[in-house]
């Protein structure tokens, strides 16, 4: 699971929840440049993404 969130207090809870169900978290900072985020996603190939709205807009995805 790819996770990109701002520094919220709830972020560690999301990481622990994913680990609890046997998943692997691939964290990436929403402040990374667009090419860095694309590199991480292309190489990790997450099956699920949990992102904030600004990442969707940056990568040209629809909500």
PDB file of N, CA and C in Angstrom:
ATOM      1  N   UNK A   1       0.837  -1.162   0.000  1.00  0.00           N
ATOM      2  CA  UNK A   1       0.000   0.000   0.000  1.00  0.00           C
ATOM      3  C   UNK A   1       0.887   1.232   0.000  1.00  0.00           C
ATOM      4  N   UNK A   2       0.682   2.108  -0.941  1.00  0.00           N
ATOM      5  CA  UNK A   2       1.386   3.380  -0.964  1.00  0.00           C
ATOM      6  C   UNK A   2       0.632   4.376  -0.111  1.00  0.00           C
ATOM      7  N   UNK A   3       1.329   5.084   0.733  1.00  0.00           N
ATOM      8  CA  UNK A   3       0.697   6.052   1.629  1.00  0.00           C
ATOM      9  C   UNK A   3       1.400   7.391   1.491  1.00  0.00           C
ATOM     10  N   UNK A   4       0.616   8.407   1.189  1.00  0.00           N
ATOM     11  CA  UNK A   4       1.150   9.760   1.123  1.00  0.00           C
ATOM     12  C   UNK A   4       0.206  10.687   1.846  1.00  0.00           C
ATOM     13  N   UNK A   5       0.632  11.152   2.986  1.00  0.00           N
ATOM     14  CA  UNK A   5      -0.186  12.038   3.804  1.00  0.00           C
ATOM     15  C   UNK A   5       0.669  13.148   4.368  1.00  0.00           C
ATOM     16  N   UNK A   6       0.046  14.275   4.663  1.00  0.00           N
ATOM     17  CA  UNK A   6       0.795  15.292   5.405  1.00  0.00           C
ATOM     18  C   UNK A   6       1.099  14.758   6.803  1.00  0.00           C
ATOM     19  N   UNK A   7       1.839  15.485   7.559  1.00  0.00           N
ATOM     20  CA  UNK A   7       2.210  15.047   8.908  1.00  0.00           C
ATOM     21  C   UNK A   7       1.028  15.193   9.862  1.00  0.00           C
ATOM     22  N   UNK A   8       0.129  14.243   9.815  1.00  0.00           N
ATOM     23  CA  UNK A   8      -1.026  14.210  10.705  1.00  0.00           C
ATOM     24  C   UNK A   8      -0.691  13.340  11.904  1.00  0.00           C
ATOM     25  N   UNK A   9      -1.378  13.572  12.993  1.00  0.00           N
ATOM     26  CA  UNK A   9      -1.200  12.727  14.173  1.00  0.00           C
ATOM     27  C   UNK A   9      -1.680  11.301  13.910  1.00  0.00           C
ATOM     28  N   UNK A  10      -2.610  11.136  12.972  1.00  0.00           N
ATOM     29  CA  UNK A  10      -3.194   9.825  12.684  1.00  0.00           C
ATOM     30  C   UNK A  10      -2.338   8.970  11.750  1.00  0.00           C
ATOM     31  N   UNK A  11      -1.324   9.533  11.139  1.00  0.00           N
ATOM     32  CA  UNK A  11      -0.515   8.802  10.168  1.00  0.00           C
ATOM     33  C   UNK A  11       0.083   7.518  10.744  1.00  0.00           C
ATOM     34  N   UNK A  12       0.684   7.531  11.935  1.00  0.00           N
ATOM     35  CA  UNK A  12       1.216   6.265  12.474  1.00  0.00           C
ATOM     36  C   UNK A  12       0.137   5.207  12.684  1.00  0.00           C
ATOM     37  N   UNK A  13      -1.066   5.632  12.991  1.00  0.00           N
ATOM     38  CA  UNK A  13      -2.166   4.677  13.174  1.00  0.00           C
ATOM     39  C   UNK A  13      -2.455   3.957  11.861  1.00  0.00           C
ATOM     40  N   UNK A  14      -2.422   4.691  10.767  1.00  0.00           N
ATOM     41  CA  UNK A  14      -2.649   4.079   9.456  1.00  0.00           C
ATOM     42  C   UNK A  14      -1.546   3.064   9.153  1.00  0.00           C
ATOM     43  N   UNK A  15      -0.300   3.409   9.462  1.00  0.00           N
ATOM     44  CA  UNK A  15       0.811   2.490   9.222  1.00  0.00           C
ATOM     45  C   UNK A  15       0.642   1.208  10.031  1.00  0.00           C
ATOM     46  N   UNK A  16       0.290   1.346  11.300  1.00  0.00           N
ATOM     47  CA  UNK A  16       0.103   0.166  12.146  1.00  0.00           C
ATOM     48  C   UNK A  16      -1.081  -0.673  11.684  1.00  0.00           C
ATOM     49  N   UNK A  17      -2.151  -0.027  11.227  1.00  0.00           N
ATOM     50  CA  UNK A  17      -3.330  -0.760  10.760  1.00  0.00           C
ATOM     51  C   UNK A  17      -2.993  -1.596   9.524  1.00  0.00           C
ATOM     52  N   UNK A  18      -2.233  -1.030   8.614  1.00  0.00           N
ATOM     53  CA  UNK A  18      -1.835  -1.767   7.408  1.00  0.00           C
ATOM     54  C   UNK A  18      -0.956  -2.948   7.796  1.00  0.00           C
ATOM     55  N   UNK A  19      -0.014  -2.727   8.694  1.00  0.00           N
ATOM     56  CA  UNK A  19       0.863  -3.819   9.144  1.00  0.00           C
ATOM     57  C   UNK A  19       0.071  -4.901   9.865  1.00  0.00           C
ATOM     58  N   UNK A  20      -0.929  -4.506  10.613  1.00  0.00           N
ATOM     59  CA  UNK A  20      -1.747  -5.453  11.381  1.00  0.00           C
ATOM     60  C   UNK A  20      -2.460  -6.450  10.462  1.00  0.00           C
ATOM     61  N   UNK A  21      -2.885  -6.000   9.296  1.00  0.00           N
ATOM     62  CA  UNK A  21      -3.580  -6.891   8.365  1.00  0.00           C
ATOM     63  C   UNK A  21      -2.615  -7.579   7.397  1.00  0.00           C
ATOM     64  N   UNK A  22      -1.306  -7.423   7.644  1.00  0.00           N
ATOM     65  CA  UNK A  22      -0.320  -8.131   6.842  1.00  0.00           C
ATOM     66  C   UNK A  22       0.169  -7.381   5.625  1.00  0.00           C
ATOM     67  N   UNK A  23      -0.142  -6.101   5.532  1.00  0.00           N
ATOM     68  CA  UNK A  23       0.295  -5.315   4.389  1.00  0.00           C
ATOM     69  C   UNK A  23       1.655  -4.687   4.610  1.00  0.00           C
ATOM     70  N   UNK A  24       2.177  -4.126   3.564  1.00  0.00           N
ATOM     71  CA  UNK A  24       3.452  -3.419   3.611  1.00  0.00           C
ATOM     72  C   UNK A  24       3.188  -1.981   3.195  1.00  0.00           C
ATOM     73  N   UNK A  25       3.700  -1.050   3.965  1.00  0.00           N
ATOM     74  CA  UNK A  25       3.498   0.368   3.681  1.00  0.00           C
ATOM     75  C   UNK A  25       4.703   0.907   2.916  1.00  0.00           C
ATOM     76  N   UNK A  26       4.428   1.608   1.826  1.00  0.00           N
ATOM     77  CA  UNK A  26       5.460   2.323   1.084  1.00  0.00           C
ATOM     78  C   UNK A  26       5.154   3.805   1.270  1.00  0.00           C
ATOM     79  N   UNK A  27       5.775   4.424   2.273  1.00  0.00           N
ATOM     80  CA  UNK A  27       5.477   5.840   2.515  1.00  0.00           C
ATOM     81  C   UNK A  27       6.229   6.749   1.556  1.00  0.00           C
ATOM     82  N   UNK A  28       5.573   7.813   1.148  1.00  0.00           N
ATOM     83  CA  UNK A  28       6.268   8.845   0.393  1.00  0.00           C
ATOM     84  C   UNK A  28       5.671  10.189   0.776  1.00  0.00           C
ATOM     85  N   UNK A  29       6.530  11.161   0.873  1.00  0.00           N
ATOM     86  CA  UNK A  29       6.165  12.483   1.344  1.00  0.00           C
ATOM     87  C   UNK A  29       5.430  13.253   0.253  1.00  0.00           C
ATOM     88  N   UNK A  30       4.299  13.894   0.590  1.00  0.00           N
ATOM     89  CA  UNK A  30       3.588  14.674  -0.429  1.00  0.00           C
ATOM     90  C   UNK A  30       4.385  15.878  -0.917  1.00  0.00           C
ATOM     91  N   UNK A  31       5.479  16.225  -0.243  1.00  0.00           N
ATOM     92  CA  UNK A  31       6.310  17.352  -0.661  1.00  0.00           C
ATOM     93  C   UNK A  31       7.399  16.942  -1.641  1.00  0.00           C
ATOM     94  N   UNK A  32       7.505  15.642  -1.959  1.00  0.00           N
ATOM     95  CA  UNK A  32       8.468  15.190  -2.963  1.00  0.00           C
ATOM     96  C   UNK A  32       8.106  15.795  -4.318  1.00  0.00           C
ATOM     97  N   UNK A  33       9.105  15.902  -5.178  1.00  0.00           N
ATOM     98  CA  UNK A  33       8.831  16.368  -6.539  1.00  0.00           C
ATOM     99  C   UNK A  33       8.059  15.292  -7.300  1.00  0.00           C
ATOM    100  N   UNK A  34       7.356  15.701  -8.324  1.00  0.00           N
ATOM    101  CA  UNK A  34       6.505  14.796  -9.097  1.00  0.00           C
ATOM    102  C   UNK A  34       7.295  13.604  -9.641  1.00  0.00           C
ATOM    103  N   UNK A  35       8.493  13.828 -10.159  1.00  0.00           N
ATOM    104  CA  UNK A  35       9.266  12.715 -10.729  1.00  0.00           C
ATOM    105  C   UNK A  35       9.712  11.733  -9.651  1.00  0.00           C
ATOM    106  N   UNK A  36       9.959  12.205  -8.426  1.00  0.00           N
ATOM    107  CA  UNK A  36      10.334  11.297  -7.336  1.00  0.00           C
ATOM    108  C   UNK A  36       9.157  10.412  -6.946  1.00  0.00           C
ATOM    109  N   UNK A  37       7.965  10.997  -6.886  1.00  0.00           N
ATOM    110  CA  UNK A  37       6.772  10.219  -6.540  1.00  0.00           C
ATOM    111  C   UNK A  37       6.496   9.170  -7.613  1.00  0.00           C
ATOM    112  N   UNK A  38       6.598   9.564  -8.873  1.00  0.00           N
ATOM    113  CA  UNK A  38       6.385   8.603  -9.958  1.00  0.00           C
ATOM    114  C   UNK A  38       7.399   7.459  -9.895  1.00  0.00           C
ATOM    115  N   UNK A  39       8.654   7.776  -9.578  1.00  0.00           N
ATOM    116  CA  UNK A  39       9.697   6.749  -9.464  1.00  0.00           C
ATOM    117  C   UNK A  39       9.341   5.754  -8.357  1.00  0.00           C
ATOM    118  N   UNK A  40       8.956   6.264  -7.210  1.00  0.00           N
ATOM    119  CA  UNK A  40       8.595   5.389  -6.088  1.00  0.00           C
ATOM    120  C   UNK A  40       7.429   4.488  -6.468  1.00  0.00           C
ATOM    121  N   UNK A  41       6.402   5.060  -7.069  1.00  0.00           N
ATOM    122  CA  UNK A  41       5.211   4.274  -7.422  1.00  0.00           C
ATOM    123  C   UNK A  41       5.498   3.263  -8.526  1.00  0.00           C
ATOM    124  N   UNK A  42       6.291   3.645  -9.513  1.00  0.00           N
ATOM    125  CA  UNK A  42       6.608   2.714 -10.599  1.00  0.00           C
ATOM    126  C   UNK A  42       7.440   1.537 -10.108  1.00  0.00           C
ATOM    127  N   UNK A  43       8.317   1.764  -9.153  1.00  0.00           N
ATOM    128  CA  UNK A  43       9.184   0.697  -8.673  1.00  0.00           C
ATOM    129  C   UNK A  43       8.569  -0.153  -7.572  1.00  0.00           C
ATOM    130  N   UNK A  44       7.687   0.413  -6.776  1.00  0.00           N
ATOM    131  CA  UNK A  44       7.074  -0.369  -5.698  1.00  0.00           C
ATOM    132  C   UNK A  44       5.792  -1.059  -6.150  1.00  0.00           C
ATOM    133  N   UNK A  45       5.152  -0.540  -7.197  1.00  0.00           N
ATOM    134  CA  UNK A  45       3.914  -1.090  -7.752  1.00  0.00           C
ATOM    135  C   UNK A  45       2.891  -1.445  -6.665  1.00  0.00           C
ATOM    136  N   UNK A  46       2.487  -0.456  -5.857  1.00  0.00           N
ATOM    137  CA  UNK A  46       1.506  -0.751  -4.809  1.00  0.00           C
ATOM    138  C   UNK A  46       0.154  -1.095  -5.435  1.00  0.00           C
ATOM    139  N   UNK A  47      -0.559  -1.994  -4.796  1.00  0.00           N
ATOM    140  CA  UNK A  47      -1.879  -2.387  -5.281  1.00  0.00           C
ATOM    141  C   UNK A  47      -2.963  -1.431  -4.798  1.00  0.00           C
ATOM    142  N   UNK A  48      -2.634  -0.644  -3.788  1.00  0.00           N
ATOM    143  CA  UNK A  48      -3.585   0.294  -3.208  1.00  0.00           C
ATOM    144  C   UNK A  48      -2.835   1.551  -2.803  1.00  0.00           C
ATOM    145  N   UNK A  49      -3.442   2.713  -3.059  1.00  0.00           N
ATOM    146  CA  UNK A  49      -2.833   3.977  -2.661  1.00  0.00           C
ATOM    147  C   UNK A  49      -3.764   4.718  -1.716  1.00  0.00           C
ATOM    148  N   UNK A  50      -3.205   5.277  -0.673  1.00  0.00           N
ATOM    149  CA  UNK A  50      -3.931   6.127   0.261  1.00  0.00           C
ATOM    150  C   UNK A  50      -3.222   7.463   0.206  1.00  0.00           C
ATOM    151  N   UNK A  51      -3.817   8.415  -0.519  1.00  0.00           N
ATOM    152  CA  UNK A  51      -3.149   9.692  -0.758  1.00  0.00           C
ATOM    153  C   UNK A  51      -4.058  10.855  -0.398  1.00  0.00           C
ATOM    154  N   UNK A  52      -3.447  12.008  -0.186  1.00  0.00           N
ATOM    155  CA  UNK A  52      -4.225  13.217   0.028  1.00  0.00           C
ATOM    156  C   UNK A  52      -4.522  13.850  -1.332  1.00  0.00           C
ATOM    157  N   UNK A  53      -5.438  14.771  -1.342  1.00  0.00           N
ATOM    158  CA  UNK A  53      -5.938  15.335  -2.587  1.00  0.00           C
ATOM    159  C   UNK A  53      -4.868  16.034  -3.415  1.00  0.00           C
ATOM    160  N   UNK A  54      -3.906  16.689  -2.775  1.00  0.00           N
ATOM    161  CA  UNK A  54      -2.905  17.420  -3.557  1.00  0.00           C
ATOM    162  C   UNK A  54      -2.020  16.497  -4.392  1.00  0.00           C
ATOM    163  N   UNK A  55      -1.812  15.244  -3.955  1.00  0.00           N
ATOM    164  CA  UNK A  55      -1.040  14.281  -4.755  1.00  0.00           C
ATOM    165  C   UNK A  55      -1.835  13.895  -5.992  1.00  0.00           C
ATOM    166  N   UNK A  56      -3.143  13.686  -5.837  1.00  0.00           N
ATOM    167  CA  UNK A  56      -3.971  13.349  -6.997  1.00  0.00           C
ATOM    168  C   UNK A  56      -3.883  14.446  -8.051  1.00  0.00           C
ATOM    169  N   UNK A  57      -3.959  15.688  -7.621  1.00  0.00           N
ATOM    170  CA  UNK A  57      -3.890  16.806  -8.560  1.00  0.00           C
ATOM    171  C   UNK A  57      -2.517  16.898  -9.209  1.00  0.00           C
ATOM    172  N   UNK A  58      -1.459  16.688  -8.411  1.00  0.00           N
ATOM    173  CA  UNK A  58      -0.096  16.782  -8.934  1.00  0.00           C
ATOM    174  C   UNK A  58       0.165  15.738 -10.019  1.00  0.00           C
ATOM    175  N   UNK A  59      -0.350  14.537  -9.826  1.00  0.00           N
ATOM    176  CA  UNK A  59      -0.107  13.461 -10.773  1.00  0.00           C
ATOM    177  C   UNK A  59      -1.156  13.412 -11.894  1.00  0.00           C
ATOM    178  N   UNK A  60      -2.142  14.306 -11.829  1.00  0.00           N
ATOM    179  CA  UNK A  60      -3.168  14.353 -12.859  1.00  0.00           C
ATOM    180  C   UNK A  60      -4.223  13.280 -12.743  1.00  0.00           C
ATOM    181  N   UNK A  61      -4.423  12.739 -11.534  1.00  0.00           N
ATOM    182  CA  UNK A  61      -5.456  11.728 -11.309  1.00  0.00           C
ATOM    183  C   UNK A  61      -6.755  12.410 -10.940  1.00  0.00           C
ATOM    184  N   UNK A  62      -7.845  11.714 -11.181  1.00  0.00           N
ATOM    185  CA  UNK A  62      -9.156  12.222 -10.766  1.00  0.00           C
ATOM    186  C   UNK A  62      -9.509  11.678  -9.401  1.00  0.00           C
ATOM    187  N   UNK A  63     -10.269  12.461  -8.630  1.00  0.00           N
ATOM    188  CA  UNK A  63     -10.727  11.944  -7.343  1.00  0.00           C
ATOM    189  C   UNK A  63     -11.998  11.162  -7.505  1.00  0.00           C
TER     190      UNK A  63
END
